[in-house]
């Protein structure tokens, strides 16, 4: 990675953190932030900064980086520029697992339920694609269908069994960083960071996958066995991210393509860049979501969906020119 791109990634990430900590119901200038941190007074402002804004910014960074890495993995192993956990229905499967976790009141086990739900969605997707060899475009349509089915069923389950939580769940389904569980957030680095490190350690495999299955076989890689490993990693990351912030779409689509424009297609470079740019992007999106129409807070999924939807359409048109659905 060239030095200028490393500098850009660092500055973009730091700026996003500062932006997220400064803006809120009450604006804190960077100078005021320093005074609040260093001063032993201003306990009310310290509470706002350390108990509300900082955990939320950290949550946004972890979720954004996780969704970006998940999208990067899926695009490489499926060799599909439109692949992303939300579009393929993995997030919807995770949401169904979370709905079940909420019903049985196993809050700390929700990431496990989410992982199982995400894997279930992947299994269904692979099963359907094995029955009939699907083109990349058709695979995306199947994923969108699965996402709607799982999300709708999740809402149905919660509505039938816990009607008083319906509106809370609806907002969470639109992507909401204010509803995270503090204990789940504390454990997040223990799950997500090892997944990031594992992904980076095996960056060569992702490079080989991105060449296509036939070339992967000639280079000594078994695509079928390795594909399940990478799908499991993607499912684990997605499940944990959904358990923290709900359904946030298109981060895994926007960020990988942006990163490739900046640093190229080599996964040795794109993986660390996606971690930081993905995290910073969601922090900025969430800050905009909670300040653009104060005091009303817009679900962050609305902001990410706006930018991601535009890129989805652009990539879709570019893809369909080269192949038939």
Protein backbone atom coordinates (compact mmCIF):
# COMPACT_ATOMS: atom_id res chain seq x y z
CA UNK A 1 0.00 0.00 0.00
CA UNK A 2 1.43 3.34 -1.00
CA UNK A 3 2.31 5.76 1.78
CA UNK A 4 -0.19 8.37 0.58
CA UNK A 5 -3.03 5.83 0.81
CA UNK A 6 -1.91 4.72 4.29
CA UNK A 7 -1.94 8.36 5.36
CA UNK A 8 -5.39 8.86 3.82
CA UNK A 9 -6.83 5.81 5.62
CA UNK A 10 -5.39 6.95 8.96
CA UNK A 11 -6.62 10.54 8.57
CA UNK A 12 -10.06 9.40 7.41
CA UNK A 13 -10.43 7.07 10.41
CA UNK A 14 -9.22 9.62 12.96
CA UNK A 15 -11.45 12.31 11.43
CA UNK A 16 -14.45 9.97 11.63
CA UNK A 17 -13.83 9.31 15.34
CA UNK A 18 -13.50 13.02 16.08
CA UNK A 19 -16.60 13.78 14.00
CA UNK A 20 -18.60 11.14 15.88
CA UNK A 21 -17.51 12.42 19.29
CA UNK A 22 -18.08 16.10 18.52
CA UNK A 23 -21.57 15.94 17.07
CA UNK A 24 -24.72 14.99 18.90
CA UNK A 25 -27.61 16.65 20.70
CA UNK A 26 -24.99 19.08 21.97
CA UNK A 27 -21.94 20.01 19.90
CA UNK A 28 -18.51 19.54 21.48
CA UNK A 29 -15.68 21.29 19.67
CA UNK A 30 -12.34 19.39 19.47
CA UNK A 31 -10.89 21.82 22.03
CA UNK A 32 -13.83 21.22 24.34
CA UNK A 33 -13.37 17.47 23.93
CA UNK A 34 -9.80 17.77 25.17
CA UNK A 35 -10.93 19.89 28.14
CA UNK A 36 -13.63 17.36 29.07
CA UNK A 37 -11.15 14.48 28.89
CA UNK A 38 -8.44 16.23 30.91
CA UNK A 39 -10.65 18.05 33.43
CA UNK A 40 -11.80 16.43 36.66
CA UNK A 41 -14.96 18.55 36.55
CA UNK A 42 -17.82 18.54 34.01
CA UNK A 43 -19.08 15.14 35.15
CA UNK A 44 -22.27 15.50 33.14
CA UNK A 45 -20.32 16.13 29.93
CA UNK A 46 -17.94 13.29 30.80
CA UNK A 47 -20.93 10.97 31.11
CA UNK A 48 -22.20 12.02 27.68
CA UNK A 49 -18.77 11.54 26.12
CA UNK A 50 -17.61 8.32 27.79
CA UNK A 51 -20.92 6.54 28.44
CA UNK A 52 -22.90 7.48 25.34
CA UNK A 53 -20.86 8.84 22.42
CA UNK A 54 -17.62 6.91 22.74
CA UNK A 55 -19.24 3.43 23.06
CA UNK A 56 -21.54 4.25 20.15
CA UNK A 57 -18.66 5.39 17.95
CA UNK A 58 -16.72 2.23 18.88
CA UNK A 59 -19.79 0.10 18.12
CA UNK A 60 -20.18 1.82 14.74
CA UNK A 61 -16.53 1.24 13.90
CA UNK A 62 -16.67 -2.48 14.74
CA UNK A 63 -19.92 -3.05 12.85
CA UNK A 64 -18.79 -1.05 9.80
CA UNK A 65 -15.44 -2.82 9.62
CA UNK A 66 -17.10 -6.22 10.08
CA UNK A 67 -19.66 -5.70 7.33
CA UNK A 68 -16.92 -4.41 5.00
CA UNK A 69 -14.73 -7.47 5.59
CA UNK A 70 -17.72 -9.79 5.17
CA UNK A 71 -18.53 -8.17 1.83
CA UNK A 72 -14.91 -8.40 0.74
CA UNK A 73 -14.85 -12.14 1.50
CA UNK A 74 -18.15 -12.84 -0.26
CA UNK A 75 -17.17 -10.93 -3.40
CA UNK A 76 -13.89 -12.85 -3.59
CA UNK A 77 -15.18 -16.41 -3.04
CA UNK A 78 -18.35 -15.97 -5.11
CA UNK A 79 -16.55 -13.87 -7.73
CA UNK A 80 -19.56 -11.58 -7.76
CA UNK A 81 -19.20 -7.78 -7.54
CA UNK A 82 -22.70 -7.49 -6.06
CA UNK A 83 -22.17 -10.02 -3.25
CA UNK A 84 -22.78 -8.64 0.23
CA UNK A 85 -24.23 -10.10 3.42
CA UNK A 86 -27.39 -7.97 3.33
CA UNK A 87 -28.09 -8.53 -0.37
CA UNK A 88 -27.43 -12.29 -0.16
CA UNK A 89 -29.83 -12.72 2.77
CA UNK A 90 -27.19 -13.63 5.37
CA UNK A 91 -28.17 -10.63 7.51
CA UNK A 92 -31.82 -11.65 7.22
CA UNK A 93 -30.99 -15.15 8.45
CA UNK A 94 -29.03 -13.65 11.34
CA UNK A 95 -32.03 -11.47 12.22
CA UNK A 96 -34.23 -14.56 12.45
CA UNK A 97 -31.75 -16.14 14.85
CA UNK A 98 -31.74 -12.96 16.93
CA UNK A 99 -35.56 -12.88 17.01
CA UNK A 100 -35.49 -16.39 18.46
CA UNK A 101 -32.84 -15.30 20.97
CA UNK A 102 -35.04 -12.37 22.06
CA UNK A 103 -38.05 -14.64 22.48
CA UNK A 104 -36.20 -17.15 24.66
CA UNK A 105 -34.60 -14.21 26.54
CA UNK A 106 -30.98 -15.34 26.02
CA UNK A 107 -29.47 -11.88 25.53
CA UNK A 108 -25.78 -12.79 25.84
CA UNK A 109 -26.28 -15.77 23.55
CA UNK A 110 -27.82 -13.60 20.81
CA UNK A 111 -24.57 -13.53 18.73
CA UNK A 112 -24.63 -17.34 18.72
CA UNK A 113 -28.27 -17.34 17.57
CA UNK A 114 -27.33 -14.75 14.92
CA UNK A 115 -24.42 -16.89 13.69
CA UNK A 116 -26.64 -19.96 13.43
CA UNK A 117 -29.26 -17.94 11.55
CA UNK A 118 -26.64 -16.55 9.16
CA UNK A 119 -25.21 -20.01 8.50
CA UNK A 120 -28.72 -21.33 7.92
CA UNK A 121 -29.24 -18.65 5.27
CA UNK A 122 -25.92 -19.57 3.62
CA UNK A 123 -26.88 -23.27 3.57
CA UNK A 124 -30.22 -22.47 1.92
CA UNK A 125 -28.49 -20.23 -0.63
CA UNK A 126 -25.91 -22.90 -1.49
CA UNK A 127 -28.58 -25.59 -1.68
CA UNK A 128 -30.68 -23.56 -4.11
CA UNK A 129 -27.65 -22.71 -6.23
CA UNK A 130 -26.59 -26.40 -6.32
CA UNK A 131 -29.97 -27.50 -7.69
CA UNK A 132 -29.48 -25.28 -10.69
CA UNK A 133 -26.25 -23.51 -11.49
CA UNK A 134 -27.20 -19.88 -10.99
CA UNK A 135 -25.67 -16.88 -12.70
CA UNK A 136 -24.30 -14.11 -10.44
CA UNK A 137 -27.36 -11.98 -11.15
CA UNK A 138 -29.83 -14.73 -10.32
CA UNK A 139 -27.90 -15.55 -7.14
CA UNK A 140 -28.36 -11.95 -6.03
CA UNK A 141 -32.12 -12.15 -6.70
CA UNK A 142 -32.33 -15.36 -4.65
CA UNK A 143 -30.42 -13.66 -1.82
CA UNK A 144 -32.75 -10.66 -1.83
CA UNK A 145 -35.71 -13.04 -1.73
CA UNK A 146 -34.22 -14.90 1.25
CA UNK A 147 -33.55 -11.62 3.04
CA UNK A 148 -37.20 -10.59 2.74
CA UNK A 149 -38.45 -14.02 3.81
CA UNK A 150 -36.23 -14.25 6.90
CA UNK A 151 -36.79 -10.61 7.90
CA UNK A 152 -40.55 -10.91 7.51
CA UNK A 153 -40.64 -14.13 9.50
CA UNK A 154 -38.54 -12.49 12.24
CA UNK A 155 -41.03 -9.61 12.51
CA UNK A 156 -43.91 -12.10 12.56
CA UNK A 157 -42.33 -14.08 15.41
CA UNK A 158 -41.65 -11.00 17.53
CA UNK A 159 -45.09 -9.50 16.81
CA UNK A 160 -46.91 -12.68 17.80
CA UNK A 161 -44.96 -13.32 21.00
CA UNK A 162 -43.83 -9.87 22.16
CA UNK A 163 -46.18 -7.24 20.74
CA UNK A 164 -44.90 -4.53 23.09
CA UNK A 165 -41.46 -4.72 21.44
CA UNK A 166 -42.73 -4.46 17.87
CA UNK A 167 -41.75 -0.83 17.19
CA UNK A 168 -38.36 -1.32 18.86
CA UNK A 169 -37.67 -4.32 16.62
CA UNK A 170 -38.87 -2.47 13.49
CA UNK A 171 -36.43 0.38 14.15
CA UNK A 172 -33.68 -2.14 14.88
CA UNK A 173 -34.42 -3.87 11.56
CA UNK A 174 -33.72 -0.57 9.80
CA UNK A 175 -30.27 -0.41 11.41
CA UNK A 176 -29.83 1.32 14.74
CA UNK A 177 -26.62 1.78 16.72
CA UNK A 178 -28.41 3.09 19.81
CA UNK A 179 -29.94 -0.27 20.71
CA UNK A 180 -26.75 -2.31 21.21
CA UNK A 181 -26.36 -4.38 24.36
CA UNK A 182 -23.33 -3.21 26.36
CA UNK A 183 -22.21 -6.75 27.28
CA UNK A 184 -22.36 -7.87 23.64
CA UNK A 185 -20.31 -4.79 22.66
CA UNK A 186 -17.67 -5.58 25.30
CA UNK A 187 -17.24 -9.09 23.89
CA UNK A 188 -17.26 -7.95 20.25
CA UNK A 189 -13.46 -7.50 19.86
CA UNK A 190 -12.92 -11.07 21.12
CA UNK A 191 -14.98 -12.38 18.19
CA UNK A 192 -14.42 -9.83 15.42
CA UNK A 193 -10.70 -8.99 15.67
CA UNK A 194 -9.58 -12.67 15.44
CA UNK A 195 -11.79 -12.98 12.34
CA UNK A 196 -10.08 -9.94 10.80
CA UNK A 197 -6.63 -11.32 11.60
CA UNK A 198 -7.54 -14.76 10.21
CA UNK A 199 -8.83 -13.17 7.01
CA UNK A 200 -5.62 -11.19 6.58
CA UNK A 201 -3.38 -14.19 7.30
CA UNK A 202 -5.06 -16.09 4.45
CA UNK A 203 -5.17 -13.19 1.99
CA UNK A 204 -3.47 -15.33 -0.68
CA UNK A 205 -6.44 -17.72 -0.72
CA UNK A 206 -8.83 -14.85 -1.37
CA UNK A 207 -6.59 -13.65 -4.20
CA UNK A 208 -6.72 -17.13 -5.74
CA UNK A 209 -10.52 -17.34 -5.27
CA UNK A 210 -10.96 -14.04 -7.06
CA UNK A 211 -9.32 -15.58 -10.16
CA UNK A 212 -12.13 -18.14 -10.49
CA UNK A 213 -12.63 -21.75 -9.39
CA UNK A 214 -10.89 -23.32 -12.40
CA UNK A 215 -7.69 -21.36 -11.83
CA UNK A 216 -7.94 -22.01 -8.10
CA UNK A 217 -7.94 -25.76 -8.75
CA UNK A 218 -4.90 -25.51 -11.03
CA UNK A 219 -3.10 -23.59 -8.28
CA UNK A 220 -3.74 -26.40 -5.78
CA UNK A 221 -6.71 -24.93 -3.90
CA UNK A 222 -9.86 -26.96 -3.25
CA UNK A 223 -12.62 -24.35 -3.79
CA UNK A 224 -15.45 -26.49 -2.39
CA UNK A 225 -13.81 -27.13 0.99
CA UNK A 226 -12.36 -23.64 1.39
CA UNK A 227 -15.61 -22.00 0.35
CA UNK A 228 -17.39 -23.38 3.42
CA UNK A 229 -14.62 -22.10 5.67
CA UNK A 230 -14.86 -18.58 4.26
CA UNK A 231 -18.65 -18.60 4.32
CA UNK A 232 -18.49 -19.57 8.01
CA UNK A 233 -16.13 -16.66 8.73
CA UNK A 234 -18.44 -14.31 6.85
CA UNK A 235 -21.47 -15.69 8.69
CA UNK A 236 -19.79 -15.26 12.10
CA UNK A 237 -18.82 -11.66 11.36
CA UNK A 238 -22.24 -10.78 9.93
CA UNK A 239 -24.10 -12.46 12.78
CA UNK A 240 -22.21 -10.50 15.42
CA UNK A 241 -22.62 -7.21 13.55
CA UNK A 242 -26.38 -7.76 13.17
CA UNK A 243 -26.68 -8.63 16.88
CA UNK A 244 -25.12 -5.25 17.69
CA UNK A 245 -26.79 -2.90 15.22
CA UNK A 246 -29.55 -4.67 13.33
CA UNK A 247 -29.83 -4.82 9.55
CA UNK A 248 -27.47 -2.31 7.96
CA UNK A 249 -27.21 -2.83 4.24
CA UNK A 250 -24.70 -2.00 1.53
CA UNK A 251 -21.63 -1.30 3.72
CA UNK A 252 -20.20 -4.57 2.43
CA UNK A 253 -20.91 -3.41 -1.12
CA UNK A 254 -19.71 0.21 -1.03
CA UNK A 255 -16.52 -0.17 0.99
CA UNK A 256 -14.81 -3.10 -0.84
CA UNK A 257 -15.26 -1.37 -4.21
CA UNK A 258 -14.02 1.93 -2.79
CA UNK A 259 -10.99 0.21 -1.27
CA UNK A 260 -10.10 -1.49 -4.56
CA UNK A 261 -10.14 1.88 -6.29
CA UNK A 262 -7.73 3.23 -3.68
CA UNK A 263 -5.27 0.36 -3.14
CA UNK A 264 -5.93 -2.19 -5.90
CA UNK A 265 -7.33 -5.72 -5.79
CA UNK A 266 -4.60 -7.41 -3.71
CA UNK A 267 -6.29 -8.65 -0.52
CA UNK A 268 -3.12 -8.13 1.46
CA UNK A 269 -3.84 -4.42 1.08
CA UNK A 270 -7.62 -4.36 0.77
CA UNK A 271 -8.32 -6.24 4.02
CA UNK A 272 -6.69 -3.74 6.44
CA UNK A 273 -7.95 -0.82 4.36
CA UNK A 274 -11.52 -2.20 4.46
CA UNK A 275 -11.37 -2.58 8.25
CA UNK A 276 -10.57 1.09 8.79
CA UNK A 277 -12.54 2.65 5.94
CA UNK A 278 -15.60 0.48 6.64
CA UNK A 279 -15.55 1.37 10.33
CA UNK A 280 -15.01 5.07 9.64
CA UNK A 281 -17.74 5.13 6.99
CA UNK A 282 -20.38 3.77 9.38
CA UNK A 283 -19.30 6.13 12.18
CA UNK A 284 -19.81 9.09 9.83
CA UNK A 285 -23.13 7.69 8.55
CA UNK A 286 -24.39 7.18 12.11
CA UNK A 287 -23.33 10.67 13.16
CA UNK A 288 -25.25 12.13 10.21
CA UNK A 289 -28.25 9.93 11.07
CA UNK A 290 -28.47 11.22 14.65
CA UNK A 291 -27.85 14.90 13.91
CA UNK A 292 -29.33 15.73 10.48
CA UNK A 293 -32.89 16.28 11.81
CA UNK A 294 -32.31 16.87 15.53
CA UNK A 295 -33.78 15.85 17.91
CA UNK A 296 -35.18 13.00 15.77
CA UNK A 297 -32.76 10.16 15.17
CA UNK A 298 -32.87 8.49 11.75
CA UNK A 299 -31.92 4.78 11.57
CA UNK A 300 -28.38 4.55 10.22
CA UNK A 301 -29.54 1.94 7.71
CA UNK A 302 -31.39 4.72 5.89
CA UNK A 303 -28.15 6.66 5.34
CA UNK A 304 -26.06 3.63 4.35
CA UNK A 305 -28.89 2.40 2.13
CA UNK A 306 -29.03 5.71 0.26
CA UNK A 307 -25.37 5.67 -0.74
CA UNK A 308 -25.24 1.90 -1.12
CA UNK A 309 -28.36 1.80 -3.26
CA UNK A 310 -26.84 4.24 -5.74
CA UNK A 311 -23.67 2.15 -6.00
CA UNK A 312 -25.71 -1.06 -6.26
CA UNK A 313 -27.54 0.29 -9.33
CA UNK A 314 -24.29 1.49 -10.94
CA UNK A 315 -22.57 -1.88 -10.43
CA UNK A 316 -25.71 -3.71 -11.53
CA UNK A 317 -25.80 -1.92 -14.89
CA UNK A 318 -22.08 -2.47 -15.36
CA UNK A 319 -22.44 -6.19 -14.60
CA UNK A 320 -25.49 -6.87 -16.79
CA UNK A 321 -23.75 -5.40 -19.82
CA UNK A 322 -21.23 -8.24 -19.65
CA UNK A 323 -23.55 -11.15 -18.98
CA UNK A 324 -27.14 -12.29 -19.28
CA UNK A 325 -29.27 -13.14 -16.27
